[in-house]
Structures are given as structure tokens and as C-alpha cells.
Amino acid sequence: MADDGWYEDGEMDREAARARRVAWIGMSVVTGLFGVVVLTVAAVALVVVLALGYAMAVMD
């Protein structure tokens, strides 16, 4: 690539490494949040099932 004065020696490599780091951190945060949502939904579903089971047992 022609030297157009935008990047010093090695600056493009540092920018690419920074972009990879930011992308990795972003994907990690999104994955973590997705995991929290899944676990929360599972916990709520478990509470509902247990409450319904208890209500049915008490009604007998």
C-alpha cells in the first residue's frame, strides 16, 4: 500500500490488535448477558412449576 501519511510504522498493526480486543470483549459481554437471561428464565420457570405443584398438592 502506498504511504499516504495516515499511519506510522506499526500503527496499523496496533489498531488491528485493538479492534480485535474490543470485538472479543464485546462478544464476551453479549455472551455473558445472554447466559444471565437464560438462567433467569430457567429460575422463573422452576419457581412457577414448583408453585403450581405445591398448589396442586395442597388442594388435595
PDB file of N, CA and C in Angstrom:
ATOM      1  N   MET A   1       0.844  -1.168   0.000  1.00  0.00           N
ATOM      2  CA  MET A   1       0.000   0.000   0.000  1.00  0.00           C
ATOM      3  C   MET A   1       0.889   1.231   0.000  1.00  0.00           C
ATOM      4  N   ALA A   2       0.492   2.225  -0.709  1.00  0.00           N
ATOM      5  CA  ALA A   2       1.297   3.446  -0.794  1.00  0.00           C
ATOM      6  C   ALA A   2       1.267   4.178   0.539  1.00  0.00           C
ATOM      7  N   ASP A   3       2.366   4.814   0.845  1.00  0.00           N
ATOM      8  CA  ASP A   3       2.443   5.577   2.084  1.00  0.00           C
ATOM      9  C   ASP A   3       1.687   6.885   1.886  1.00  0.00           C
ATOM     10  N   ASP A   4       0.512   6.990   2.498  1.00  0.00           N
ATOM     11  CA  ASP A   4      -0.288   8.196   2.327  1.00  0.00           C
ATOM     12  C   ASP A   4      -0.235   9.103   3.552  1.00  0.00           C
ATOM     13  N   GLY A   5       0.605   8.761   4.500  1.00  0.00           N
ATOM     14  CA  GLY A   5       0.779   9.613   5.657  1.00  0.00           C
ATOM     15  C   GLY A   5      -0.215   9.397   6.778  1.00  0.00           C
ATOM     16  N   TRP A   6      -1.144   8.463   6.605  1.00  0.00           N
ATOM     17  CA  TRP A   6      -2.139   8.241   7.646  1.00  0.00           C
ATOM     18  C   TRP A   6      -1.614   7.388   8.783  1.00  0.00           C
ATOM     19  N   TYR A   7      -0.761   6.443   8.495  1.00  0.00           N
ATOM     20  CA  TYR A   7      -0.284   5.522   9.520  1.00  0.00           C
ATOM     21  C   TYR A   7       1.229   5.572   9.619  1.00  0.00           C
ATOM     22  N   GLU A   8       1.701   5.621  10.852  1.00  0.00           N
ATOM     23  CA  GLU A   8       3.134   5.493  11.115  1.00  0.00           C
ATOM     24  C   GLU A   8       3.485   4.012  11.041  1.00  0.00           C
ATOM     25  N   ASP A   9       4.765   3.696  11.148  1.00  0.00           N
ATOM     26  CA  ASP A   9       5.188   2.292  11.136  1.00  0.00           C
ATOM     27  C   ASP A   9       4.571   1.559  12.320  1.00  0.00           C
ATOM     28  N   GLY A  10       3.880   0.476  12.053  1.00  0.00           N
ATOM     29  CA  GLY A  10       3.303  -0.359  13.099  1.00  0.00           C
ATOM     30  C   GLY A  10       1.990   0.140  13.663  1.00  0.00           C
ATOM     31  N   GLU A  11       1.574   1.327  13.299  1.00  0.00           N
ATOM     32  CA  GLU A  11       0.329   1.857  13.858  1.00  0.00           C
ATOM     33  C   GLU A  11      -0.881   1.062  13.373  1.00  0.00           C
ATOM     34  N   MET A  12      -0.834   0.609  12.131  1.00  0.00           N
ATOM     35  CA  MET A  12      -1.941  -0.172  11.593  1.00  0.00           C
ATOM     36  C   MET A  12      -2.069  -1.498  12.345  1.00  0.00           C
ATOM     37  N   ASP A  13      -0.923  -2.096  12.695  1.00  0.00           N
ATOM     38  CA  ASP A  13      -0.954  -3.345  13.459  1.00  0.00           C
ATOM     39  C   ASP A  13      -1.552  -3.116  14.845  1.00  0.00           C
ATOM     40  N   ARG A  14      -1.191  -2.017  15.472  1.00  0.00           N
ATOM     41  CA  ARG A  14      -1.746  -1.712  16.798  1.00  0.00           C
ATOM     42  C   ARG A  14      -3.244  -1.465  16.716  1.00  0.00           C
ATOM     43  N   GLU A  15      -3.679  -0.769  15.679  1.00  0.00           N
ATOM     44  CA  GLU A  15      -5.112  -0.520  15.506  1.00  0.00           C
ATOM     45  C   GLU A  15      -5.869  -1.831  15.286  1.00  0.00           C
ATOM     46  N   ALA A  16      -5.300  -2.730  14.489  1.00  0.00           N
ATOM     47  CA  ALA A  16      -5.949  -4.023  14.241  1.00  0.00           C
ATOM     48  C   ALA A  16      -6.015  -4.841  15.522  1.00  0.00           C
ATOM     49  N   ALA A  17      -4.947  -4.825  16.311  1.00  0.00           N
ATOM     50  CA  ALA A  17      -4.943  -5.565  17.575  1.00  0.00           C
ATOM     51  C   ALA A  17      -5.978  -4.981  18.531  1.00  0.00           C
ATOM     52  N   ARG A  18      -6.087  -3.669  18.554  1.00  0.00           N
ATOM     53  CA  ARG A  18      -7.078  -3.023  19.421  1.00  0.00           C
ATOM     54  C   ARG A  18      -8.494  -3.386  18.968  1.00  0.00           C
ATOM     55  N   ALA A  19      -8.727  -3.393  17.674  1.00  0.00           N
ATOM     56  CA  ALA A  19     -10.050  -3.749  17.154  1.00  0.00           C
ATOM     57  C   ALA A  19     -10.405  -5.187  17.516  1.00  0.00           C
ATOM     58  N   ARG A  20      -9.421  -6.091  17.449  1.00  0.00           N
ATOM     59  CA  ARG A  20      -9.680  -7.481  17.838  1.00  0.00           C
ATOM     60  C   ARG A  20     -10.014  -7.577  19.321  1.00  0.00           C
ATOM     61  N   ARG A  21      -9.286  -6.829  20.154  1.00  0.00           N
ATOM     62  CA  ARG A  21      -9.553  -6.841  21.595  1.00  0.00           C
ATOM     63  C   ARG A  21     -10.948  -6.320  21.897  1.00  0.00           C
ATOM     64  N   VAL A  22     -11.315  -5.215  21.277  1.00  0.00           N
ATOM     65  CA  VAL A  22     -12.637  -4.627  21.507  1.00  0.00           C
ATOM     66  C   VAL A  22     -13.728  -5.588  21.052  1.00  0.00           C
ATOM     67  N   ALA A  23     -13.541  -6.226  19.911  1.00  0.00           N
ATOM     68  CA  ALA A  23     -14.535  -7.187  19.417  1.00  0.00           C
ATOM     69  C   ALA A  23     -14.652  -8.373  20.362  1.00  0.00           C
ATOM     70  N   TRP A  24     -13.519  -8.855  20.879  1.00  0.00           N
ATOM     71  CA  TRP A  24     -13.544 -10.005  21.794  1.00  0.00           C
ATOM     72  C   TRP A  24     -14.267  -9.636  23.080  1.00  0.00           C
ATOM     73  N   ILE A  25     -13.975  -8.451  23.612  1.00  0.00           N
ATOM     74  CA  ILE A  25     -14.642  -8.007  24.840  1.00  0.00           C
ATOM     75  C   ILE A  25     -16.137  -7.842  24.593  1.00  0.00           C
ATOM     76  N   GLY A  26     -16.501  -7.275  23.459  1.00  0.00           N
ATOM     77  CA  GLY A  26     -17.913  -7.099  23.137  1.00  0.00           C
ATOM     78  C   GLY A  26     -18.654  -8.417  23.035  1.00  0.00           C
ATOM     79  N   MET A  27     -18.040  -9.385  22.372  1.00  0.00           N
ATOM     80  CA  MET A  27     -18.677 -10.707  22.259  1.00  0.00           C
ATOM     81  C   MET A  27     -18.785 -11.373  23.624  1.00  0.00           C
ATOM     82  N   SER A  28     -17.787 -11.188  24.477  1.00  0.00           N
ATOM     83  CA  SER A  28     -17.827 -11.771  25.812  1.00  0.00           C
ATOM     84  C   SER A  28     -18.959 -11.170  26.642  1.00  0.00           C
ATOM     85  N   VAL A  29     -19.135  -9.867  26.547  1.00  0.00           N
ATOM     86  CA  VAL A  29     -20.208  -9.201  27.290  1.00  0.00           C
ATOM     87  C   VAL A  29     -21.569  -9.682  26.803  1.00  0.00           C
ATOM     88  N   VAL A  30     -21.753  -9.753  25.494  1.00  0.00           N
ATOM     89  CA  VAL A  30     -23.036 -10.204  24.941  1.00  0.00           C
ATOM     90  C   VAL A  30     -23.318 -11.647  25.341  1.00  0.00           C
ATOM     91  N   THR A  31     -22.293 -12.497  25.291  1.00  0.00           N
ATOM     92  CA  THR A  31     -22.470 -13.894  25.681  1.00  0.00           C
ATOM     93  C   THR A  31     -22.826 -14.002  27.159  1.00  0.00           C
ATOM     94  N   GLY A  32     -22.161 -13.220  27.986  1.00  0.00           N
ATOM     95  CA  GLY A  32     -22.462 -13.224  29.422  1.00  0.00           C
ATOM     96  C   GLY A  32     -23.880 -12.769  29.705  1.00  0.00           C
ATOM     97  N   LEU A  33     -24.311 -11.706  29.045  1.00  0.00           N
ATOM     98  CA  LEU A  33     -25.680 -11.224  29.244  1.00  0.00           C
ATOM     99  C   LEU A  33     -26.702 -12.251  28.778  1.00  0.00           C
ATOM    100  N   PHE A  34     -26.418 -12.908  27.664  1.00  0.00           N
ATOM    101  CA  PHE A  34     -27.320 -13.954  27.180  1.00  0.00           C
ATOM    102  C   PHE A  34     -27.422 -15.083  28.207  1.00  0.00           C
ATOM    103  N   GLY A  35     -26.290 -15.464  28.791  1.00  0.00           N
ATOM    104  CA  GLY A  35     -26.294 -16.503  29.819  1.00  0.00           C
ATOM    105  C   GLY A  35     -27.113 -16.103  31.034  1.00  0.00           C
ATOM    106  N   VAL A  36     -26.993 -14.849  31.446  1.00  0.00           N
ATOM    107  CA  VAL A  36     -27.772 -14.360  32.589  1.00  0.00           C
ATOM    108  C   VAL A  36     -29.261 -14.421  32.280  1.00  0.00           C
ATOM    109  N   VAL A  37     -29.648 -14.033  31.079  1.00  0.00           N
ATOM    110  CA  VAL A  37     -31.066 -14.073  30.695  1.00  0.00           C
ATOM    111  C   VAL A  37     -31.575 -15.510  30.693  1.00  0.00           C
ATOM    112  N   VAL A  38     -30.800 -16.426  30.136  1.00  0.00           N
ATOM    113  CA  VAL A  38     -31.218 -17.833  30.085  1.00  0.00           C
ATOM    114  C   VAL A  38     -31.383 -18.391  31.495  1.00  0.00           C
ATOM    115  N   LEU A  39     -30.423 -18.120  32.374  1.00  0.00           N
ATOM    116  CA  LEU A  39     -30.517 -18.622  33.746  1.00  0.00           C
ATOM    117  C   LEU A  39     -31.690 -17.995  34.496  1.00  0.00           C
ATOM    118  N   THR A  40     -31.966 -16.730  34.249  1.00  0.00           N
ATOM    119  CA  THR A  40     -33.099 -16.070  34.900  1.00  0.00           C
ATOM    120  C   THR A  40     -34.418 -16.680  34.447  1.00  0.00           C
ATOM    121  N   VAL A  41     -34.555 -16.909  33.162  1.00  0.00           N
ATOM    122  CA  VAL A  41     -35.784 -17.532  32.649  1.00  0.00           C
ATOM    123  C   VAL A  41     -35.945 -18.937  33.222  1.00  0.00           C
ATOM    124  N   ALA A  42     -34.857 -19.694  33.298  1.00  0.00           N
ATOM    125  CA  ALA A  42     -34.931 -21.045  33.863  1.00  0.00           C
ATOM    126  C   ALA A  42     -35.332 -20.996  35.336  1.00  0.00           C
ATOM    127  N   ALA A  43     -34.799 -20.046  36.095  1.00  0.00           N
ATOM    128  CA  ALA A  43     -35.140 -19.928  37.514  1.00  0.00           C
ATOM    129  C   ALA A  43     -36.608 -19.553  37.693  1.00  0.00           C
ATOM    130  N   VAL A  44     -37.099 -18.629  36.889  1.00  0.00           N
ATOM    131  CA  VAL A  44     -38.509 -18.231  36.978  1.00  0.00           C
ATOM    132  C   VAL A  44     -39.406 -19.406  36.612  1.00  0.00           C
ATOM    133  N   ALA A  45     -39.057 -20.142  35.572  1.00  0.00           N
ATOM    134  CA  ALA A  45     -39.852 -21.311  35.178  1.00  0.00           C
ATOM    135  C   ALA A  45     -39.866 -22.351  36.294  1.00  0.00           C
ATOM    136  N   LEU A  46     -38.732 -22.561  36.945  1.00  0.00           N
ATOM    137  CA  LEU A  46     -38.669 -23.522  38.048  1.00  0.00           C
ATOM    138  C   LEU A  46     -39.558 -23.084  39.205  1.00  0.00           C
ATOM    139  N   VAL A  47     -39.526 -21.806  39.542  1.00  0.00           N
ATOM    140  CA  VAL A  47     -40.370 -21.295  40.626  1.00  0.00           C
ATOM    141  C   VAL A  47     -41.842 -21.476  40.278  1.00  0.00           C
ATOM    142  N   VAL A  48     -42.224 -21.199  39.050  1.00  0.00           N
ATOM    143  CA  VAL A  48     -43.625 -21.350  38.640  1.00  0.00           C
ATOM    144  C   VAL A  48     -44.049 -22.809  38.724  1.00  0.00           C
ATOM    145  N   VAL A  49     -43.216 -23.711  38.240  1.00  0.00           N
ATOM    146  CA  VAL A  49     -43.553 -25.143  38.284  1.00  0.00           C
ATOM    147  C   VAL A  49     -43.676 -25.620  39.724  1.00  0.00           C
ATOM    148  N   LEU A  50     -42.746 -25.215  40.573  1.00  0.00           N
ATOM    149  CA  LEU A  50     -42.818 -25.622  41.981  1.00  0.00           C
ATOM    150  C   LEU A  50     -44.046 -25.034  42.672  1.00  0.00           C
ATOM    151  N   ALA A  51     -44.388 -23.786  42.370  1.00  0.00           N
ATOM    152  CA  ALA A  51     -45.568 -23.170  42.971  1.00  0.00           C
ATOM    153  C   ALA A  51     -46.839 -23.884  42.522  1.00  0.00           C
ATOM    154  N   LEU A  52     -46.918 -24.221  41.246  1.00  0.00           N
ATOM    155  CA  LEU A  52     -48.098 -24.948  40.766  1.00  0.00           C
ATOM    156  C   LEU A  52     -48.173 -26.341  41.385  1.00  0.00           C
ATOM    157  N   GLY A  53     -47.035 -26.994  41.501  1.00  0.00           N
ATOM    158  CA  GLY A  53     -47.014 -28.315  42.138  1.00  0.00           C
ATOM    159  C   GLY A  53     -47.444 -28.246  43.588  1.00  0.00           C
ATOM    160  N   TYR A  54     -46.982 -27.234  44.298  1.00  0.00           N
ATOM    161  CA  TYR A  54     -47.374 -27.061  45.700  1.00  0.00           C
ATOM    162  C   TYR A  54     -48.868 -26.764  45.806  1.00  0.00           C
ATOM    163  N   ALA A  55     -49.370 -25.907  44.919  1.00  0.00           N
ATOM    164  CA  ALA A  55     -50.793 -25.564  44.948  1.00  0.00           C
ATOM    165  C   ALA A  55     -51.652 -26.790  44.671  1.00  0.00           C
ATOM    166  N   MET A  56     -51.226 -27.626  43.743  1.00  0.00           N
ATOM    167  CA  MET A  56     -51.997 -28.836  43.447  1.00  0.00           C
ATOM    168  C   MET A  56     -51.936 -29.816  44.608  1.00  0.00           C
ATOM    169  N   ALA A  57     -50.798 -29.892  45.294  1.00  0.00           N
ATOM    170  CA  ALA A  57     -50.669 -30.811  46.427  1.00  0.00           C
ATOM    171  C   ALA A  57     -51.520 -30.346  47.601  1.00  0.00           C
ATOM    172  N   VAL A  58     -51.610 -29.056  47.808  1.00  0.00           N
ATOM    173  CA  VAL A  58     -52.385 -28.515  48.926  1.00  0.00           C
ATOM    174  C   VAL A  58     -53.877 -28.681  48.669  1.00  0.00           C
ATOM    175  N   MET A  59     -54.299 -28.622  47.413  1.00  0.00           N
ATOM    176  CA  MET A  59     -55.720 -28.711  47.086  1.00  0.00           C
ATOM    177  C   MET A  59     -56.292 -30.104  47.331  1.00  0.00           C
ATOM    178  N   ASP A  60     -55.445 -31.111  47.378  1.00  0.00           N
ATOM    179  CA  ASP A  60     -55.966 -32.483  47.561  1.00  0.00           C
ATOM    180  C   ASP A  60     -56.480 -32.734  48.936  1.00  0.00           C
TER     181      ASP A  60
END
